[in-house]
Amino acid sequence: MMNDHKKLEFEITKFVQSNIPLIFLQKFSFDEVEKTMRSFKNKNSVENVFYFNVTQGFGEQPGVELSDYDVLLNGLIDLLKTDNEQIVVIHGAESLFNGNRTDESDKMFEILSVFVHKVQTNKYYNTTIIFNGSHYDIPSELRDGAMIIENTLPDENGIYNIIEDFIRTNHLEAYTDAGNTDPNLIENLKGLSYYEITQALSFIFYEFGIKVFNSTIDSSISREIYTIKEQMLKKMGTLSIVETTENVDDIIGLDHLKEYIEEERAAFSNMNLLAKNGVELPKGILILGEPGTGKSMTAKAAANALGLKLIKFDISKIMGKYVGDSEKNIMETLKVIEHMSPCVLWIDEIEKAFSGADDSDNQVLRRVFGILLSWMSDDNKGAFVVGTANNIDGVLPPEFLRKGRFDEIFYVSKPDEDARLLLFEDKLEKRAIPLKLHDDELEQLAGQSAGFTGADIEYICNRAARKFHLSKAEIGTNRYRETIRTLLFKEVQFVRDNREAELTAENYNELDAYYKKMYGEELEYLNNNVKNKNPLESKISEVLDSKISEIINQDIEKMLNRKRNRSKYRNADG
């Protein structure tokens, strides 16, 4: 089986010998292409292989990235004047092929069209132009004379061949057991390109020596590969590996959601069996809920429960500056995800990234959204997608919620009374403070924290614990119980005072009572100035009325959203 370098050389040889005028290489490094062309030249006895060089024009040595298109234009015109067999390699001309036609690109395409016609009509004119870059939108007038070679990420067999090639290149055969590569080494290198894998092997061989290839890799080697991989993913900007220690047992409440995750564990533990019988793996879940209700923690716990690595996908960084960039970015990212599967793919606050995707005026976002939907339905074979959102009704297009994209949609509500007490107990115990309150005090704590999220309780417990430990109160004494009680209730009241309407409002009467209490003076002012003809006071009344109405409408909408989500989607709680 060919490695990636040999595969590229084979494809180039095939197209050159078939007299293809234009070859477009996508996502190959300059060094990789130069190495391939050097080998191609030696094996095929091709004398004239030229590279575009910004300072020297065309030459026989690889040049730097293209910047002066006038030099290139003149060089191509000269190329048309000769009948010698030759190959020209041009690096970095993507901006001419980005779908945005300019006078400069039109001149280039006109010359290339003449070149294509000459190659296709003159069997003795054996010349090929090879463009190398990240992505090309080939214009219609050149498509008949062009072929694309894309640098795909290696699969498991490809990674194995790269490792074996590395061993041979470095003359390590005598020190290794042939064909005895640890599968975990291959697994850890998934999602990297040919050259990234070669670099990673160089790094770990330098640090750990021959044992990398001779035995089961230990945690230190895995950790080093993880660090290398993390750095390489950061260069993409859209993906990151998330380390997580959270487990399903750490989640308080959300029994239905936890049961679902536990049920899916068996599927990922028996992937080969399911694949053998034509059964697809679970697609994933969408978790809805207000901020602070545990959506992110659930995504992290799901990865541990399923025994998979957690990859976070920042969709907001997909959108590019130039025409075609956004579509290219989403496709490249999804290919990396495919090669890193099986994994848990976490897409946080998904509604913010795709708000407006059903707007006909936003064509780029619609195309990006369509590519993601198609991948989720048809091409995703091993990524368990965990999407999180605060609200999706009226925000995301309805096709996003169809079966085949997510298996289940869960709504995570704020914790009930029992769950809140468990959260207080858990968060304090993690801060070395046992919660030892009397039953009436626990009942009071549960009542006063109605409407709090898990994040609210975490915040309260951390503040109370910090003050408690600094107070030097000894655990187990009367002063201890009184101190922690005072601190807890003080912090609870602090949160309530700042967010009362949001915390408690579940019906219009509660909202009405709250706003009469909160804005009593302002409402009285408005009532007294209904018929006031003073222009200044009328303007003040108008602004005040508008501001209060805006706040009230926002809180009413939040209340209605909570009710809609509870009734429309599966409740994550037991």
Protein backbone atom coordinates (compact mmCIF):
# COMPACT_ATOMS: atom_id res chain seq x y z
CA MET A 1 0.00 0.00 0.00
CA MET A 2 1.34 3.47 -0.94
CA ASN A 3 2.04 6.12 1.66
CA ASP A 4 0.78 9.66 1.10
CA HIS A 5 4.01 10.85 -0.54
CA LYS A 6 4.01 7.98 -3.05
CA LYS A 7 0.30 8.44 -3.68
CA LEU A 8 0.84 12.10 -4.61
CA GLU A 9 3.69 11.17 -6.94
CA PHE A 10 1.54 8.46 -8.55
CA GLU A 11 -1.34 10.89 -9.17
CA ILE A 12 0.92 13.59 -10.62
CA THR A 13 2.65 11.03 -12.87
CA LYS A 14 -0.70 9.72 -14.10
CA PHE A 15 -2.03 13.18 -14.99
CA VAL A 16 1.21 14.41 -16.57
CA GLN A 17 1.49 11.31 -18.75
CA SER A 18 -2.17 11.75 -19.70
CA ASN A 19 -1.24 15.26 -20.89
CA ILE A 20 -3.55 17.09 -18.47
CA PRO A 21 -2.80 20.83 -18.91
CA LEU A 22 -3.60 22.02 -15.36
CA ILE A 23 -3.19 20.19 -12.05
CA PHE A 24 -4.42 21.82 -8.84
CA LEU A 25 -2.92 20.52 -5.60
CA GLN A 26 -4.94 21.35 -2.50
CA LYS A 27 -3.60 21.46 1.08
CA PHE A 28 -0.11 20.06 0.38
CA SER A 29 2.88 21.75 2.00
CA PHE A 30 5.44 23.37 -0.28
CA ASP A 31 8.16 21.03 1.01
CA GLU A 32 5.96 18.02 0.30
CA VAL A 33 5.36 19.10 -3.30
CA GLU A 34 9.03 19.96 -3.84
CA LYS A 35 10.12 16.55 -2.53
CA THR A 36 7.56 14.81 -4.73
CA MET A 37 8.57 16.73 -7.84
CA ARG A 38 12.24 15.96 -7.24
CA SER A 39 11.44 12.25 -7.12
CA PHE A 40 9.13 12.55 -10.14
CA LYS A 41 11.84 14.29 -12.17
CA ASN A 42 14.42 11.59 -11.40
CA LYS A 43 12.11 8.66 -12.14
CA ASN A 44 10.60 10.04 -15.35
CA SER A 45 13.72 11.62 -16.88
CA VAL A 46 11.98 14.98 -17.12
CA GLU A 47 14.59 17.68 -17.67
CA ASN A 48 12.52 20.84 -17.44
CA VAL A 49 10.74 21.29 -14.09
CA PHE A 50 10.43 24.97 -13.26
CA TYR A 51 9.18 26.75 -10.15
CA PHE A 52 7.82 30.22 -9.98
CA ASN A 53 10.24 32.43 -8.01
CA VAL A 54 9.17 35.89 -6.96
CA THR A 55 12.64 37.42 -7.23
CA GLN A 56 14.00 35.47 -10.19
CA GLY A 57 10.90 34.77 -12.25
CA PHE A 58 10.85 31.17 -13.42
CA GLY A 59 13.74 28.99 -12.37
CA GLU A 60 14.78 25.45 -11.65
CA GLN A 61 14.80 25.91 -7.87
CA PRO A 62 11.66 26.11 -5.70
CA GLY A 63 10.62 29.70 -5.07
CA VAL A 64 8.89 31.52 -2.25
CA GLU A 65 5.17 32.24 -2.04
CA LEU A 66 3.71 34.05 -5.02
CA SER A 67 3.20 37.80 -4.65
CA ASP A 68 3.86 39.46 -8.03
CA TYR A 69 1.25 38.35 -10.57
CA ASP A 70 2.70 40.50 -13.38
CA VAL A 71 5.87 38.40 -13.27
CA LEU A 72 3.76 35.25 -13.39
CA LEU A 73 1.67 36.60 -16.25
CA ASN A 74 4.74 37.38 -18.36
CA GLY A 75 6.24 34.01 -17.54
CA LEU A 76 3.13 32.19 -18.78
CA ILE A 77 3.16 34.22 -22.00
CA ASP A 78 6.77 33.13 -22.56
CA LEU A 79 5.71 29.56 -21.82
CA LEU A 80 3.26 29.63 -24.72
CA LYS A 81 6.06 30.58 -27.11
CA THR A 82 8.05 27.36 -26.59
CA ASP A 83 7.25 23.79 -27.59
CA ASN A 84 9.65 22.11 -25.17
CA GLU A 85 8.29 19.51 -22.78
CA GLN A 86 8.18 21.09 -19.34
CA ILE A 87 6.39 21.25 -16.01
CA VAL A 88 5.80 24.49 -14.12
CA VAL A 89 4.97 24.48 -10.39
CA ILE A 90 3.27 27.63 -9.08
CA HIS A 91 2.83 28.03 -5.35
CA GLY A 92 0.33 30.32 -3.64
CA ALA A 93 -1.98 31.64 -6.38
CA GLU A 94 -5.22 30.98 -4.44
CA SER A 95 -6.32 34.62 -4.48
CA LEU A 96 -6.73 34.42 -8.26
CA PHE A 97 -8.98 31.38 -7.87
CA ASN A 98 -11.25 32.47 -5.00
CA GLY A 99 -14.40 32.93 -7.11
CA ASN A 100 -14.11 36.72 -7.06
CA ARG A 101 -13.36 37.76 -10.64
CA THR A 102 -11.02 40.73 -11.13
CA ASP A 103 -9.24 42.28 -14.11
CA GLU A 104 -6.06 40.60 -12.91
CA SER A 105 -7.63 37.14 -12.67
CA ASP A 106 -9.45 37.53 -15.99
CA LYS A 107 -6.13 38.23 -17.74
CA MET A 108 -4.64 35.15 -16.12
CA PHE A 109 -7.60 32.94 -17.07
CA GLU A 110 -7.46 34.16 -20.68
CA ILE A 111 -3.81 33.13 -20.98
CA LEU A 112 -4.48 29.80 -19.25
CA SER A 113 -7.40 29.13 -21.63
CA VAL A 114 -5.09 29.61 -24.60
CA PHE A 115 -2.57 27.31 -22.91
CA VAL A 116 -5.21 24.59 -22.29
CA HIS A 117 -6.36 24.80 -25.92
CA LYS A 118 -2.77 24.45 -27.17
CA VAL A 119 -2.13 21.35 -25.02
CA GLN A 120 -5.41 19.73 -26.05
CA THR A 121 -4.97 20.35 -29.78
CA ASN A 122 -1.21 19.76 -30.15
CA LYS A 123 -0.19 16.27 -29.13
CA TYR A 124 3.50 17.26 -29.26
CA TYR A 125 3.08 20.10 -26.76
CA ASN A 126 3.65 18.19 -23.51
CA THR A 127 3.53 20.88 -20.86
CA THR A 128 1.73 20.86 -17.51
CA ILE A 129 1.17 23.68 -15.03
CA ILE A 130 0.80 22.59 -11.40
CA PHE A 131 -0.80 25.01 -8.94
CA ASN A 132 -0.23 24.30 -5.25
CA GLY A 133 -2.29 25.96 -2.50
CA SER A 134 -5.02 25.46 0.06
CA HIS A 135 -8.16 25.78 -2.07
CA TYR A 136 -9.09 26.64 -5.65
CA ASP A 137 -12.40 27.70 -7.19
CA ILE A 138 -11.63 26.77 -10.79
CA PRO A 139 -13.42 28.99 -13.36
CA SER A 140 -15.71 27.30 -15.86
CA GLU A 141 -13.49 28.09 -18.87
CA LEU A 142 -10.62 26.05 -17.37
CA ARG A 143 -12.45 23.07 -15.92
CA ASP A 144 -12.19 20.84 -18.99
CA GLY A 145 -8.41 21.01 -18.82
CA ALA A 146 -7.98 20.71 -15.05
CA MET A 147 -7.70 17.97 -12.43
CA ILE A 148 -7.64 18.38 -8.64
CA ILE A 149 -5.54 16.35 -6.21
CA GLU A 150 -6.59 16.92 -2.60
CA ASN A 151 -4.46 16.03 0.38
CA THR A 152 -6.76 13.84 2.45
CA LEU A 153 -5.91 12.84 5.99
CA PRO A 154 -4.53 9.31 6.36
CA ASP A 155 -6.75 6.57 7.76
CA GLU A 156 -5.53 3.83 10.13
CA ASN A 157 -3.76 1.93 7.35
CA GLY A 158 -2.20 5.15 6.12
CA ILE A 159 -0.92 6.02 9.60
CA TYR A 160 0.53 2.51 9.95
CA ASN A 161 2.39 2.96 6.64
CA ILE A 162 3.74 6.35 7.72
CA ILE A 163 5.09 4.80 10.93
CA GLU A 164 6.72 1.96 8.98
CA ASP A 165 8.17 4.46 6.50
CA PHE A 166 9.58 6.50 9.40
CA ILE A 167 11.26 3.37 10.80
CA ARG A 168 12.83 2.53 7.42
CA THR A 169 13.93 6.10 6.70
CA ASN A 170 15.71 6.30 10.05
CA HIS A 171 17.21 2.78 9.71
CA LEU A 172 15.48 1.46 12.83
CA GLU A 173 14.38 -1.92 11.42
CA ALA A 174 17.00 -3.85 13.41
CA TYR A 175 15.69 -2.38 16.66
CA THR A 176 11.96 -2.83 16.13
CA ASP A 177 9.50 -5.68 15.75
CA ALA A 178 8.14 -5.47 12.22
CA GLY A 179 4.36 -5.11 12.06
CA ASN A 180 4.04 -4.85 15.83
CA THR A 181 2.93 -1.21 16.05
CA ASP A 182 0.78 -0.46 19.08
CA PRO A 183 -2.82 0.30 17.90
CA ASN A 184 -2.97 3.04 20.54
CA LEU A 185 -0.14 4.87 18.78
CA ILE A 186 -2.14 4.80 15.55
CA GLU A 187 -5.30 5.91 17.37
CA ASN A 188 -3.50 8.84 18.99
CA LEU A 189 -2.21 10.07 15.62
CA LYS A 190 -5.62 10.18 13.94
CA GLY A 191 -6.67 13.53 12.52
CA LEU A 192 -3.14 14.62 11.57
CA SER A 193 -1.72 15.02 8.07
CA TYR A 194 1.18 13.03 6.63
CA TYR A 195 3.74 15.67 7.59
CA GLU A 196 2.18 16.35 10.99
CA ILE A 197 2.40 12.64 11.82
CA THR A 198 6.02 12.54 10.66
CA GLN A 199 6.77 15.56 12.85
CA ALA A 200 5.00 14.00 15.83
CA LEU A 201 6.98 10.76 15.40
CA SER A 202 10.22 12.75 15.29
CA PHE A 203 9.32 14.57 18.51
CA ILE A 204 8.38 11.48 20.50
CA PHE A 205 11.28 9.41 19.13
CA TYR A 206 13.69 12.15 20.19
CA GLU A 207 12.20 12.21 23.69
CA PHE A 208 11.38 8.54 24.34
CA GLY A 209 13.62 6.61 21.97
CA ILE A 210 13.00 3.24 20.33
CA LYS A 211 10.41 2.12 22.89
CA VAL A 212 7.88 4.23 20.98
CA PHE A 213 7.86 1.50 18.30
CA ASN A 214 8.62 -1.60 20.35
CA SER A 215 6.07 -1.83 23.12
CA THR A 216 2.70 -0.69 24.29
CA ILE A 217 2.99 3.07 24.55
CA ASP A 218 2.70 4.36 28.09
CA SER A 219 0.77 7.36 29.40
CA SER A 220 3.76 9.70 29.07
CA ILE A 221 4.01 9.02 25.32
CA SER A 222 0.24 9.40 24.89
CA ARG A 223 0.41 12.65 26.82
CA GLU A 224 3.18 14.01 24.59
CA ILE A 225 1.25 13.09 21.44
CA TYR A 226 -1.81 14.77 22.94
CA THR A 227 0.19 17.98 23.49
CA ILE A 228 1.57 17.89 19.93
CA LYS A 229 -1.88 17.23 18.52
CA GLU A 230 -3.38 20.02 20.60
CA GLN A 231 -0.84 22.46 19.16
CA MET A 232 -1.55 21.34 15.60
CA LEU A 233 -5.32 21.65 16.07
CA LYS A 234 -4.91 25.15 17.48
CA LYS A 235 -3.47 26.21 14.13
CA MET A 236 -6.85 25.40 12.56
CA GLY A 237 -8.62 27.65 15.05
CA THR A 238 -11.92 25.80 14.88
CA LEU A 239 -11.18 22.66 16.93
CA SER A 240 -9.67 22.02 20.34
CA ILE A 241 -9.19 18.93 22.46
CA VAL A 242 -10.84 19.26 25.88
CA GLU A 243 -9.47 17.39 28.84
CA THR A 244 -12.22 16.38 31.22
CA THR A 245 -12.48 14.64 34.57
CA GLU A 246 -16.26 14.97 34.88
CA ASN A 247 -18.29 11.77 35.11
CA VAL A 248 -22.00 11.09 34.82
CA ASP A 249 -22.09 10.38 38.56
CA ASP A 250 -20.95 13.96 39.19
CA ILE A 251 -24.16 15.30 37.64
CA ILE A 252 -26.89 15.92 40.23
CA GLY A 253 -30.36 15.37 38.84
CA LEU A 254 -30.93 15.03 35.07
CA ASP A 255 -31.74 11.33 35.53
CA HIS A 256 -33.33 10.83 32.09
CA LEU A 257 -30.34 12.39 30.36
CA LYS A 258 -27.85 10.34 32.38
CA GLU A 259 -29.76 7.12 31.65
CA TYR A 260 -29.68 7.91 27.92
CA ILE A 261 -25.91 8.45 27.95
CA GLU A 262 -25.36 5.21 29.85
CA GLU A 263 -27.49 3.33 27.30
CA GLU A 264 -25.37 4.63 24.42
CA ARG A 265 -22.15 3.49 26.10
CA ALA A 266 -22.72 -0.06 24.83
CA ALA A 267 -22.92 1.15 21.22
CA PHE A 268 -19.47 2.75 21.29
CA SER A 269 -18.04 -0.23 23.16
CA ASN A 270 -19.21 -2.52 20.34
CA MET A 271 -18.61 -0.38 17.25
CA ASN A 272 -17.12 -3.19 15.18
CA LEU A 273 -20.08 -5.47 15.87
CA LEU A 274 -22.57 -2.77 14.86
CA ALA A 275 -20.60 -1.89 11.71
CA LYS A 276 -20.42 -5.56 10.72
CA ASN A 277 -24.22 -5.77 10.88
CA GLY A 278 -24.90 -2.46 9.15
CA VAL A 279 -26.08 -0.66 12.29
CA GLU A 280 -25.25 3.03 12.62
CA LEU A 281 -23.80 4.55 15.78
CA PRO A 282 -25.85 7.10 17.75
CA LYS A 283 -25.79 10.55 16.14
CA GLY A 284 -25.90 12.65 19.30
CA ILE A 285 -28.07 14.89 21.45
CA LEU A 286 -29.08 18.54 21.66
CA ILE A 287 -29.30 19.93 25.20
CA LEU A 288 -31.38 23.06 25.80
CA GLY A 289 -31.46 25.10 28.96
CA GLU A 290 -30.69 28.41 30.55
CA PRO A 291 -27.08 29.32 31.32
CA GLY A 292 -25.70 27.59 34.38
CA THR A 293 -27.93 24.50 34.27
CA GLY A 294 -25.15 21.99 33.55
CA LYS A 295 -25.18 21.68 29.76
CA SER A 296 -21.40 22.01 29.38
CA MET A 297 -20.72 19.65 32.27
CA THR A 298 -22.99 17.07 30.63
CA ALA A 299 -21.02 17.29 27.36
CA LYS A 300 -17.80 16.64 29.27
CA ALA A 301 -19.30 13.80 31.31
CA ALA A 302 -20.69 12.21 28.13
CA ALA A 303 -17.19 11.89 26.67
CA ASN A 304 -15.92 10.07 29.75
CA ALA A 305 -19.01 7.87 29.95
CA LEU A 306 -18.67 6.82 26.31
CA GLY A 307 -14.90 6.35 26.62
CA LEU A 308 -14.20 8.89 23.85
CA LYS A 309 -12.04 11.98 23.46
CA LEU A 310 -13.87 15.31 23.61
CA ILE A 311 -13.39 17.72 20.69
CA LYS A 312 -14.86 21.22 20.98
CA PHE A 313 -15.96 22.82 17.72
CA ASP A 314 -16.01 26.64 17.66
CA ILE A 315 -18.29 27.29 14.69
CA SER A 316 -17.98 31.06 15.10
CA LYS A 317 -14.43 30.82 13.69
CA ILE A 318 -15.59 29.14 10.48
CA MET A 319 -16.67 32.32 8.74
CA GLY A 320 -13.87 33.58 6.50
CA LYS A 321 -12.95 36.94 5.04
CA TYR A 322 -12.82 35.97 1.36
CA VAL A 323 -15.25 34.34 -1.04
CA GLY A 324 -15.29 30.58 -0.53
CA ASP A 325 -13.25 30.66 2.69
CA SER A 326 -16.15 29.77 4.98
CA GLU A 327 -17.24 26.75 2.93
CA LYS A 328 -13.62 25.59 2.68
CA ASN A 329 -13.13 25.98 6.44
CA ILE A 330 -16.21 23.95 7.38
CA MET A 331 -15.32 21.14 4.96
CA GLU A 332 -11.72 20.93 6.17
CA THR A 333 -12.85 20.92 9.80
CA LEU A 334 -15.41 18.17 9.23
CA LYS A 335 -12.76 16.02 7.52
CA VAL A 336 -10.48 16.34 10.54
CA ILE A 337 -13.39 15.36 12.79
CA GLU A 338 -14.08 12.29 10.64
CA HIS A 339 -10.47 11.16 10.98
CA MET A 340 -10.47 11.78 14.75
CA SER A 341 -13.63 9.73 15.22
CA PRO A 342 -14.85 8.05 17.27
CA CYS A 343 -15.13 11.10 19.48
CA VAL A 344 -17.64 13.34 21.23
CA LEU A 345 -18.02 16.55 19.21
CA TRP A 346 -19.16 19.40 21.44
CA ILE A 347 -20.78 22.40 19.73
CA ASP A 348 -21.49 25.00 22.40
CA GLU A 349 -24.14 27.74 22.06
CA ILE A 350 -25.03 26.48 18.62
CA GLU A 351 -27.89 28.95 18.24
CA LYS A 352 -25.49 31.91 18.27
CA ALA A 353 -23.41 30.51 15.44
CA PHE A 354 -26.36 29.81 13.13
CA SER A 355 -28.80 32.54 14.08
CA GLY A 356 -30.08 33.83 10.75
CA ALA A 357 -29.23 30.67 8.80
CA ASP A 358 -32.77 30.69 7.36
CA ASP A 359 -32.32 34.27 6.14
CA SER A 360 -32.27 34.29 2.35
CA ASP A 361 -29.95 37.32 2.37
CA ASN A 362 -27.21 35.45 4.20
CA GLN A 363 -26.15 33.04 1.48
CA VAL A 364 -22.72 32.17 2.92
CA LEU A 365 -24.15 31.22 6.33
CA ARG A 366 -26.88 29.19 4.62
CA ARG A 367 -24.29 27.25 2.61
CA VAL A 368 -22.14 26.59 5.69
CA PHE A 369 -25.24 25.49 7.59
CA GLY A 370 -26.25 23.21 4.72
CA ILE A 371 -22.80 21.57 4.62
CA LEU A 372 -23.01 20.85 8.36
CA LEU A 373 -26.55 19.45 8.08
CA SER A 374 -25.55 17.18 5.20
CA TRP A 375 -22.55 15.91 7.15
CA MET A 376 -24.62 15.25 10.28
CA SER A 377 -27.19 13.26 8.30
CA ASP A 378 -25.09 11.37 5.77
CA ASP A 379 -21.35 11.50 6.43
CA ASN A 380 -20.94 11.45 10.20
CA LYS A 381 -19.96 7.87 11.01
CA GLY A 382 -18.40 8.07 14.46
CA ALA A 383 -18.74 11.47 16.11
CA PHE A 384 -21.33 11.67 18.88
CA VAL A 385 -22.46 15.28 18.56
CA VAL A 386 -23.45 17.10 21.75
CA GLY A 387 -24.97 20.45 20.87
CA THR A 388 -25.84 22.91 23.61
CA ALA A 389 -28.12 25.93 23.31
CA ASN A 390 -30.00 28.35 25.52
CA ASN A 391 -32.98 28.53 23.18
CA ILE A 392 -33.65 27.39 19.62
CA ASP A 393 -37.32 28.11 18.87
CA GLY A 394 -37.50 30.81 16.24
CA VAL A 395 -33.69 31.00 16.15
CA LEU A 396 -32.55 27.90 14.24
CA PRO A 397 -34.14 26.61 11.02
CA PRO A 398 -36.53 23.68 11.67
CA GLU A 399 -34.52 21.28 9.47
CA PHE A 400 -31.76 21.36 12.08
CA LEU A 401 -34.04 19.56 14.54
CA ARG A 402 -35.16 16.71 12.29
CA LYS A 403 -34.38 13.13 13.22
CA GLY A 404 -31.12 12.04 11.68
CA ARG A 405 -29.24 15.05 12.99
CA PHE A 406 -29.83 14.49 16.70
CA ASP A 407 -31.31 11.35 18.24
CA GLU A 408 -32.84 13.24 21.17
CA ILE A 409 -33.44 16.82 22.29
CA PHE A 410 -33.34 17.30 26.06
CA TYR A 411 -34.49 20.31 28.04
CA VAL A 412 -32.53 20.97 31.24
CA SER A 413 -34.59 22.98 33.71
CA LYS A 414 -33.37 24.63 36.87
CA PRO A 415 -32.88 22.15 39.74
CA ASP A 416 -35.84 21.37 41.99
CA GLU A 417 -35.76 21.60 45.79
CA ASP A 418 -34.19 18.17 46.40
CA ALA A 419 -31.57 18.72 43.69
CA ARG A 420 -30.69 22.14 45.08
CA LEU A 421 -30.01 20.72 48.54
CA LEU A 422 -27.85 17.98 47.00
CA LEU A 423 -25.97 20.63 45.04
CA PHE A 424 -25.33 22.70 48.17
CA GLU A 425 -24.08 19.61 49.95
CA ASP A 426 -21.88 18.50 47.05
CA LYS A 427 -20.32 21.91 46.35
CA LEU A 428 -19.52 22.52 50.03
CA GLU A 429 -18.06 19.05 50.56
CA LYS A 430 -15.71 19.64 47.62
CA ARG A 431 -14.51 22.70 49.52
CA ALA A 432 -13.94 20.73 52.75
CA ILE A 433 -17.11 21.93 54.48
CA PRO A 434 -19.77 19.37 55.47
CA LEU A 435 -23.32 20.77 55.28
CA LYS A 436 -24.77 20.05 58.74
CA LEU A 437 -27.87 22.22 59.05
CA HIS A 438 -31.08 21.39 60.91
CA ASP A 439 -34.08 20.20 58.89
CA ASP A 440 -35.86 23.54 59.20
CA GLU A 441 -32.73 25.35 58.04
CA LEU A 442 -32.36 23.01 55.05
CA GLU A 443 -36.00 23.63 54.16
CA GLN A 444 -35.45 27.37 54.43
CA LEU A 445 -32.31 27.15 52.27
CA ALA A 446 -34.17 25.15 49.62
CA GLY A 447 -37.05 27.62 49.62
CA GLN A 448 -34.91 30.73 49.38
CA SER A 449 -32.85 29.27 46.54
CA ALA A 450 -35.89 28.58 44.33
CA GLY A 451 -35.03 29.33 40.71
CA PHE A 452 -31.28 29.08 41.23
CA THR A 453 -29.14 27.27 38.67
CA GLY A 454 -26.29 24.91 39.46
CA ALA A 455 -23.88 27.72 38.53
CA ASP A 456 -25.60 30.03 41.04
CA ILE A 457 -25.17 27.47 43.80
CA GLU A 458 -21.53 26.88 42.81
CA TYR A 459 -20.92 30.62 43.06
CA ILE A 460 -22.64 30.88 46.46
CA CYS A 461 -20.80 27.89 47.93
CA ASN A 462 -17.42 29.12 46.72
CA ARG A 463 -17.93 32.59 48.24
CA ALA A 464 -19.27 31.15 51.49
CA ALA A 465 -16.45 28.57 51.72
CA ARG A 466 -13.78 31.18 51.10
CA LYS A 467 -15.14 33.40 53.86
CA PHE A 468 -15.62 30.41 56.18
CA HIS A 469 -12.05 29.14 55.87
CA LEU A 470 -10.69 32.64 56.36
CA SER A 471 -12.84 33.02 59.52
CA LYS A 472 -10.90 30.17 61.23
CA ALA A 473 -14.13 28.56 62.43
CA GLU A 474 -13.54 24.93 63.42
CA ILE A 475 -15.69 22.24 61.79
CA GLY A 476 -17.89 20.41 64.29
CA THR A 477 -18.33 23.30 66.73
CA ASN A 478 -21.46 25.37 67.32
CA ARG A 479 -19.64 28.34 65.85
CA TYR A 480 -19.01 26.31 62.71
CA ARG A 481 -22.70 25.62 62.09
CA GLU A 482 -23.72 29.18 62.82
CA THR A 483 -20.94 30.60 60.65
CA ILE A 484 -21.69 28.49 57.58
CA ARG A 485 -25.43 29.06 58.00
CA THR A 486 -24.97 32.84 58.16
CA LEU A 487 -22.62 32.89 55.20
CA LEU A 488 -24.84 30.69 53.02
CA PHE A 489 -28.02 32.65 53.63
CA LYS A 490 -26.20 35.94 53.11
CA GLU A 491 -24.90 34.80 49.71
CA VAL A 492 -28.29 33.37 48.74
CA GLN A 493 -29.92 36.70 49.51
CA PHE A 494 -27.25 38.52 47.51
CA VAL A 495 -28.15 36.49 44.40
CA ARG A 496 -31.89 36.92 45.00
CA ASP A 497 -31.63 40.68 45.36
CA ASN A 498 -29.94 40.97 41.99
CA ARG A 499 -32.02 38.52 39.95
CA GLU A 500 -35.38 38.18 41.65
CA ALA A 501 -37.65 38.41 38.61
CA GLU A 502 -35.62 35.92 36.59
CA LEU A 503 -35.38 33.49 39.51
CA THR A 504 -39.00 33.31 40.63
CA ALA A 505 -41.31 34.35 37.80
CA GLU A 506 -43.33 31.41 36.49
CA ASN A 507 -46.63 33.26 35.87
CA TYR A 508 -47.88 36.75 35.08
CA ASN A 509 -49.14 37.45 38.61
CA GLU A 510 -45.63 36.86 40.01
CA LEU A 511 -44.15 39.19 37.41
CA ASP A 512 -46.78 41.84 38.12
CA ALA A 513 -46.11 41.75 41.86
CA TYR A 514 -42.36 41.87 41.32
CA TYR A 515 -42.42 44.88 39.00
CA LYS A 516 -44.77 46.82 41.28
CA LYS A 517 -42.23 46.23 44.05
CA MET A 518 -39.13 46.89 41.94
CA TYR A 519 -40.37 49.89 39.92
CA GLY A 520 -43.00 51.34 42.25
CA GLU A 521 -41.68 54.91 42.17
CA GLU A 522 -41.17 54.91 38.42
CA LEU A 523 -44.65 53.52 37.76
CA GLU A 524 -46.19 56.11 40.05
CA TYR A 525 -44.30 58.84 38.19
CA LEU A 526 -45.66 57.56 34.89
CA ASN A 527 -49.23 57.43 36.20
CA ASN A 528 -48.99 60.99 37.52
CA ASN A 529 -47.64 62.32 34.24
CA VAL A 530 -50.03 60.67 31.80
CA LYS A 531 -51.71 63.98 30.99
CA ASN A 532 -48.70 66.21 31.64
CA LYS A 533 -48.10 68.61 28.75
CA ASN A 534 -44.59 69.67 29.86
CA PRO A 535 -42.33 68.62 26.93
CA LEU A 536 -39.38 67.64 29.13
CA GLU A 537 -41.46 65.55 31.53
CA SER A 538 -43.31 63.99 28.60
CA LYS A 539 -39.99 62.96 27.05
CA ILE A 540 -38.76 61.53 30.38
CA SER A 541 -42.02 59.59 30.72
CA GLU A 542 -41.68 58.28 27.18
CA VAL A 543 -38.11 57.04 27.70
CA LEU A 544 -38.91 55.56 31.13
CA ASP A 545 -41.98 53.78 29.82
CA SER A 546 -40.02 52.37 26.88
CA LYS A 547 -37.17 51.09 29.09
CA ILE A 548 -39.44 49.42 31.65
CA SER A 549 -41.54 47.88 28.86
CA GLU A 550 -38.41 46.47 27.25
CA ILE A 551 -37.26 44.85 30.52
CA ILE A 552 -40.72 43.43 31.23
CA ASN A 553 -41.09 42.03 27.72
CA GLN A 554 -37.69 40.32 27.93
CA ASP A 555 -38.58 38.64 31.23
CA ILE A 556 -42.00 37.59 29.94
CA GLU A 557 -40.32 36.04 26.88
CA LYS A 558 -37.87 34.15 29.11
CA MET A 559 -40.76 32.82 31.17
CA LEU A 560 -42.66 31.72 28.07
CA ASN A 561 -39.54 30.07 26.62
CA ARG A 562 -39.08 28.03 29.78
CA LYS A 563 -42.68 26.84 29.59
CA ARG A 564 -42.47 26.04 25.87
CA ASN A 565 -39.25 24.09 26.23
CA ARG A 566 -40.56 22.07 29.19
CA SER A 567 -43.62 21.02 27.24
CA LYS A 568 -42.00 20.57 23.81
CA TYR A 569 -38.76 18.67 24.54
CA ARG A 570 -37.84 15.66 26.59
CA ASN A 571 -37.22 16.58 30.22
CA ALA A 572 -33.66 15.72 31.26
CA ASP A 573 -34.72 15.28 34.90
CA GLY A 574 -36.24 12.11 36.28
